Amino acid sequence: MSKLENKATKDHSNWTTRNILAINVTYLRHEKGWSQEELAERTGRSVSLISDIENANIGATVDAIDDISQALAWSTSDLIKDHGFVVRKKRVDSKQ
C-alpha cells in the first residue's frame, strides 16, 4: 500500500471528474509541500489556472492535466481517478 493510500479516505462517488481532479491536485500538491505558485512554475501554467482547477471553477484542458500530472509525477489517468483523498483547507505558502 502506498503512502497516499494510507491516508484517510472519503467516498466521492457522486462527484464529477472536475471535482475529483480538484481534490487530487490539491492533495498531491500539499503532500509535496508546494504552493500553487510552485506548481504553476513547474507546469508552465498560471497561478490563476491552478487555483481555478483546485477550486473546480473550470474544466481543465487535457494539455493542462498532462502538465500537472507530469509535475506531480502521477499518470494522467490516476490524476482523474477518485482515490478518496480528503483535503483540509490549509495554505501552503511559497518557499522564500
N, C-alpha and C. Protein backbone atom coordinates (compact mmCIF):
# COMPACT_ATOMS: atom_id res chain seq x y z
N MET A 1 0.85 -1.18 0.00
CA MET A 1 0.00 0.00 0.00
C MET A 1 0.89 1.24 0.00
N SER A 2 0.61 2.19 -0.86
CA SER A 2 1.45 3.38 -0.95
C SER A 2 1.17 4.33 0.21
N LYS A 3 2.06 5.27 0.39
CA LYS A 3 1.91 6.29 1.43
C LYS A 3 0.57 7.01 1.30
N LEU A 4 0.18 7.35 0.08
CA LEU A 4 -1.06 8.08 -0.13
C LEU A 4 -2.27 7.22 0.17
N GLU A 5 -2.19 5.94 -0.07
CA GLU A 5 -3.32 5.04 0.18
C GLU A 5 -3.57 4.84 1.67
N ASN A 6 -2.57 5.14 2.50
CA ASN A 6 -2.73 5.01 3.94
C ASN A 6 -3.50 6.17 4.55
N LYS A 7 -3.68 7.24 3.82
CA LYS A 7 -4.36 8.43 4.33
C LYS A 7 -5.85 8.16 4.49
N ALA A 8 -6.48 8.98 5.32
CA ALA A 8 -7.93 8.88 5.47
C ALA A 8 -8.60 9.11 4.12
N THR A 9 -9.62 8.32 3.85
CA THR A 9 -10.31 8.46 2.57
C THR A 9 -11.77 8.78 2.78
N LYS A 10 -12.41 9.25 1.74
CA LYS A 10 -13.81 9.62 1.79
C LYS A 10 -14.45 9.23 0.47
N ASP A 11 -15.71 8.84 0.51
CA ASP A 11 -16.43 8.44 -0.69
C ASP A 11 -16.86 9.68 -1.47
N HIS A 12 -16.42 9.78 -2.69
CA HIS A 12 -16.78 10.90 -3.58
C HIS A 12 -17.57 10.38 -4.77
N SER A 13 -18.33 9.31 -4.60
CA SER A 13 -18.96 8.63 -5.73
C SER A 13 -19.90 9.52 -6.54
N ASN A 14 -20.41 10.57 -5.95
CA ASN A 14 -21.32 11.44 -6.70
C ASN A 14 -20.60 12.67 -7.27
N TRP A 15 -19.30 12.72 -7.18
CA TRP A 15 -18.55 13.87 -7.66
C TRP A 15 -18.30 13.78 -9.16
N THR A 16 -18.14 14.93 -9.79
CA THR A 16 -17.78 15.00 -11.20
C THR A 16 -16.27 14.83 -11.34
N THR A 17 -15.82 14.58 -12.55
CA THR A 17 -14.39 14.49 -12.81
C THR A 17 -13.69 15.79 -12.42
N ARG A 18 -14.34 16.91 -12.64
CA ARG A 18 -13.78 18.22 -12.27
C ARG A 18 -13.52 18.29 -10.77
N ASN A 19 -14.47 17.80 -9.96
CA ASN A 19 -14.29 17.80 -8.51
C ASN A 19 -13.18 16.85 -8.07
N ILE A 20 -13.12 15.70 -8.69
CA ILE A 20 -12.08 14.71 -8.35
C ILE A 20 -10.70 15.26 -8.71
N LEU A 21 -10.58 15.85 -9.89
CA LEU A 21 -9.31 16.46 -10.29
C LEU A 21 -8.91 17.54 -9.29
N ALA A 22 -9.85 18.35 -8.88
CA ALA A 22 -9.57 19.44 -7.94
C ALA A 22 -9.00 18.91 -6.63
N ILE A 23 -9.64 17.90 -6.08
CA ILE A 23 -9.19 17.35 -4.79
C ILE A 23 -7.85 16.64 -4.94
N ASN A 24 -7.66 15.91 -6.04
CA ASN A 24 -6.40 15.20 -6.25
C ASN A 24 -5.23 16.16 -6.41
N VAL A 25 -5.40 17.19 -7.23
CA VAL A 25 -4.32 18.16 -7.44
C VAL A 25 -3.98 18.85 -6.12
N THR A 26 -5.00 19.28 -5.41
CA THR A 26 -4.77 19.96 -4.13
C THR A 26 -4.07 19.04 -3.14
N TYR A 27 -4.57 17.83 -3.02
CA TYR A 27 -4.00 16.87 -2.08
C TYR A 27 -2.53 16.57 -2.41
N LEU A 28 -2.26 16.26 -3.66
CA LEU A 28 -0.89 15.91 -4.05
C LEU A 28 0.06 17.09 -3.92
N ARG A 29 -0.45 18.28 -4.24
CA ARG A 29 0.39 19.48 -4.08
C ARG A 29 0.73 19.68 -2.61
N HIS A 30 -0.24 19.51 -1.73
CA HIS A 30 0.02 19.64 -0.30
C HIS A 30 1.00 18.57 0.18
N GLU A 31 0.85 17.35 -0.33
CA GLU A 31 1.77 16.26 0.05
C GLU A 31 3.22 16.62 -0.27
N LYS A 32 3.42 17.35 -1.36
CA LYS A 32 4.76 17.75 -1.76
C LYS A 32 5.21 19.03 -1.05
N GLY A 33 4.27 19.68 -0.35
CA GLY A 33 4.60 20.93 0.35
C GLY A 33 4.74 22.11 -0.59
N TRP A 34 4.12 22.01 -1.76
CA TRP A 34 4.22 23.07 -2.76
C TRP A 34 3.08 24.07 -2.62
N SER A 35 3.39 25.30 -2.91
CA SER A 35 2.36 26.33 -3.04
C SER A 35 1.76 26.23 -4.44
N GLN A 36 0.66 26.92 -4.65
CA GLN A 36 0.10 26.99 -6.00
C GLN A 36 1.10 27.65 -6.94
N GLU A 37 1.85 28.61 -6.43
CA GLU A 37 2.86 29.29 -7.25
C GLU A 37 3.93 28.32 -7.72
N GLU A 38 4.35 27.44 -6.82
CA GLU A 38 5.38 26.46 -7.20
C GLU A 38 4.85 25.47 -8.22
N LEU A 39 3.62 24.99 -8.04
CA LEU A 39 3.05 24.07 -9.02
C LEU A 39 2.89 24.77 -10.37
N ALA A 40 2.45 26.01 -10.35
CA ALA A 40 2.32 26.77 -11.59
C ALA A 40 3.66 26.89 -12.31
N GLU A 41 4.71 27.18 -11.56
CA GLU A 41 6.04 27.30 -12.15
C GLU A 41 6.50 25.98 -12.76
N ARG A 42 6.24 24.89 -12.06
CA ARG A 42 6.67 23.57 -12.53
C ARG A 42 5.88 23.10 -13.75
N THR A 43 4.67 23.63 -13.93
CA THR A 43 3.84 23.23 -15.07
C THR A 43 3.92 24.21 -16.24
N GLY A 44 4.43 25.41 -15.98
CA GLY A 44 4.42 26.43 -17.02
C GLY A 44 3.04 27.04 -17.19
N ARG A 45 2.20 26.86 -16.20
CA ARG A 45 0.83 27.39 -16.22
C ARG A 45 0.73 28.54 -15.24
N SER A 46 -0.37 29.28 -15.30
CA SER A 46 -0.55 30.42 -14.41
C SER A 46 -1.07 29.98 -13.05
N VAL A 47 -0.79 30.79 -12.04
CA VAL A 47 -1.29 30.53 -10.70
C VAL A 47 -2.82 30.56 -10.71
N SER A 48 -3.39 31.48 -11.48
CA SER A 48 -4.86 31.57 -11.52
C SER A 48 -5.47 30.31 -12.12
N LEU A 49 -4.82 29.69 -13.09
CA LEU A 49 -5.32 28.43 -13.65
C LEU A 49 -5.27 27.32 -12.60
N ILE A 50 -4.14 27.22 -11.90
CA ILE A 50 -4.01 26.20 -10.86
C ILE A 50 -5.09 26.40 -9.80
N SER A 51 -5.31 27.64 -9.39
CA SER A 51 -6.34 27.95 -8.40
C SER A 51 -7.73 27.57 -8.91
N ASP A 52 -8.02 27.91 -10.15
CA ASP A 52 -9.33 27.57 -10.72
C ASP A 52 -9.54 26.06 -10.81
N ILE A 53 -8.50 25.32 -11.14
CA ILE A 53 -8.60 23.86 -11.20
C ILE A 53 -8.82 23.30 -9.80
N GLU A 54 -8.05 23.77 -8.82
CA GLU A 54 -8.18 23.27 -7.45
C GLU A 54 -9.52 23.63 -6.82
N ASN A 55 -10.14 24.68 -7.27
CA ASN A 55 -11.44 25.08 -6.75
C ASN A 55 -12.60 24.58 -7.61
N ALA A 56 -12.27 23.76 -8.61
CA ALA A 56 -13.26 23.18 -9.54
C ALA A 56 -14.08 24.26 -10.23
N ASN A 57 -13.46 25.41 -10.48
CA ASN A 57 -14.14 26.51 -11.16
C ASN A 57 -14.18 26.34 -12.66
N ILE A 58 -13.24 25.57 -13.20
CA ILE A 58 -13.16 25.37 -14.65
C ILE A 58 -12.90 23.90 -14.95
N GLY A 59 -13.22 23.52 -16.15
CA GLY A 59 -12.82 22.22 -16.66
C GLY A 59 -11.46 22.37 -17.30
N ALA A 60 -10.48 21.66 -16.80
CA ALA A 60 -9.11 21.78 -17.31
C ALA A 60 -8.99 21.11 -18.67
N THR A 61 -8.13 21.65 -19.51
CA THR A 61 -7.86 21.03 -20.80
C THR A 61 -7.00 19.79 -20.59
N VAL A 62 -7.01 18.92 -21.56
CA VAL A 62 -6.18 17.72 -21.49
C VAL A 62 -4.71 18.12 -21.39
N ASP A 63 -4.30 19.14 -22.11
CA ASP A 63 -2.91 19.60 -22.05
C ASP A 63 -2.54 20.08 -20.65
N ALA A 64 -3.43 20.81 -20.00
CA ALA A 64 -3.17 21.29 -18.64
C ALA A 64 -3.08 20.11 -17.67
N ILE A 65 -3.97 19.15 -17.82
CA ILE A 65 -3.94 17.96 -16.96
C ILE A 65 -2.64 17.19 -17.17
N ASP A 66 -2.21 17.06 -18.42
CA ASP A 66 -0.93 16.39 -18.71
C ASP A 66 0.23 17.10 -18.03
N ASP A 67 0.27 18.43 -18.12
CA ASP A 67 1.35 19.21 -17.50
C ASP A 67 1.35 19.04 -15.98
N ILE A 68 0.17 19.07 -15.39
CA ILE A 68 0.06 18.92 -13.93
C ILE A 68 0.46 17.51 -13.51
N SER A 69 0.01 16.51 -14.25
CA SER A 69 0.36 15.13 -13.89
C SER A 69 1.86 14.90 -13.98
N GLN A 70 2.50 15.47 -14.97
CA GLN A 70 3.96 15.33 -15.09
C GLN A 70 4.66 16.01 -13.92
N ALA A 71 4.22 17.19 -13.55
CA ALA A 71 4.84 17.90 -12.44
C ALA A 71 4.68 17.14 -11.13
N LEU A 72 3.52 16.53 -10.94
CA LEU A 72 3.24 15.80 -9.70
C LEU A 72 3.74 14.35 -9.74
N ALA A 73 4.26 13.93 -10.89
CA ALA A 73 4.77 12.56 -11.09
C ALA A 73 3.67 11.52 -10.89
N TRP A 74 2.52 11.82 -11.44
CA TRP A 74 1.37 10.90 -11.44
C TRP A 74 0.91 10.74 -12.87
N SER A 75 0.35 9.58 -13.19
CA SER A 75 -0.20 9.41 -14.53
C SER A 75 -1.47 10.26 -14.65
N THR A 76 -1.77 10.65 -15.86
CA THR A 76 -2.98 11.44 -16.11
C THR A 76 -4.21 10.67 -15.68
N SER A 77 -4.25 9.38 -15.99
CA SER A 77 -5.42 8.58 -15.62
C SER A 77 -5.59 8.50 -14.10
N ASP A 78 -4.49 8.40 -13.35
CA ASP A 78 -4.58 8.37 -11.89
C ASP A 78 -4.98 9.73 -11.32
N LEU A 79 -4.61 10.80 -12.01
CA LEU A 79 -4.94 12.14 -11.53
C LEU A 79 -6.43 12.41 -11.59
N ILE A 80 -7.14 11.76 -12.51
CA ILE A 80 -8.59 11.98 -12.61
C ILE A 80 -9.40 10.82 -12.02
N LYS A 81 -8.72 9.93 -11.33
CA LYS A 81 -9.39 8.79 -10.68
C LYS A 81 -9.64 9.15 -9.21
N ASP A 82 -10.79 8.74 -8.70
CA ASP A 82 -11.13 9.02 -7.31
C ASP A 82 -10.35 8.10 -6.38
N HIS A 83 -9.48 8.69 -5.58
CA HIS A 83 -8.71 7.94 -4.60
C HIS A 83 -9.28 8.15 -3.20
N GLY A 84 -10.34 8.95 -3.10
CA GLY A 84 -10.98 9.20 -1.81
C GLY A 84 -10.19 10.12 -0.91
N PHE A 85 -9.28 10.90 -1.47
CA PHE A 85 -8.48 11.81 -0.66
C PHE A 85 -9.35 12.85 0.04
N VAL A 86 -8.87 13.27 1.19
CA VAL A 86 -9.53 14.33 1.96
C VAL A 86 -8.53 15.47 2.08
N VAL A 87 -8.98 16.67 1.77
CA VAL A 87 -8.12 17.85 1.90
C VAL A 87 -8.73 18.75 2.95
N ARG A 88 -7.94 19.00 3.96
CA ARG A 88 -8.34 20.00 4.94
C ARG A 88 -7.71 21.30 4.47
N LYS A 89 -8.55 22.27 4.20
CA LYS A 89 -8.06 23.53 3.62
C LYS A 89 -7.03 24.17 4.53
N LYS A 90 -5.82 24.16 4.07
CA LYS A 90 -4.75 24.87 4.76
C LYS A 90 -3.80 25.36 3.69
N ARG A 91 -3.33 26.50 3.88
CA ARG A 91 -2.48 27.16 2.89
C ARG A 91 -1.07 26.61 2.94
N VAL A 92 -0.49 26.39 1.79
CA VAL A 92 0.91 26.06 1.68
C VAL A 92 1.57 27.28 1.06
N ASP A 93 2.34 28.01 1.87
CA ASP A 93 2.95 29.23 1.38
C ASP A 93 4.15 28.93 0.50
N SER A 94 4.40 29.83 -0.44
CA SER A 94 5.55 29.63 -1.32
C SER A 94 6.83 29.71 -0.49
N LYS A 95 7.81 28.98 -0.94
CA LYS A 95 9.08 28.95 -0.23
C LYS A 95 9.85 30.22 -0.52
N GLN A 96 10.44 30.77 0.51
CA GLN A 96 11.19 32.03 0.39
C GLN A 96 12.59 31.77 -0.10
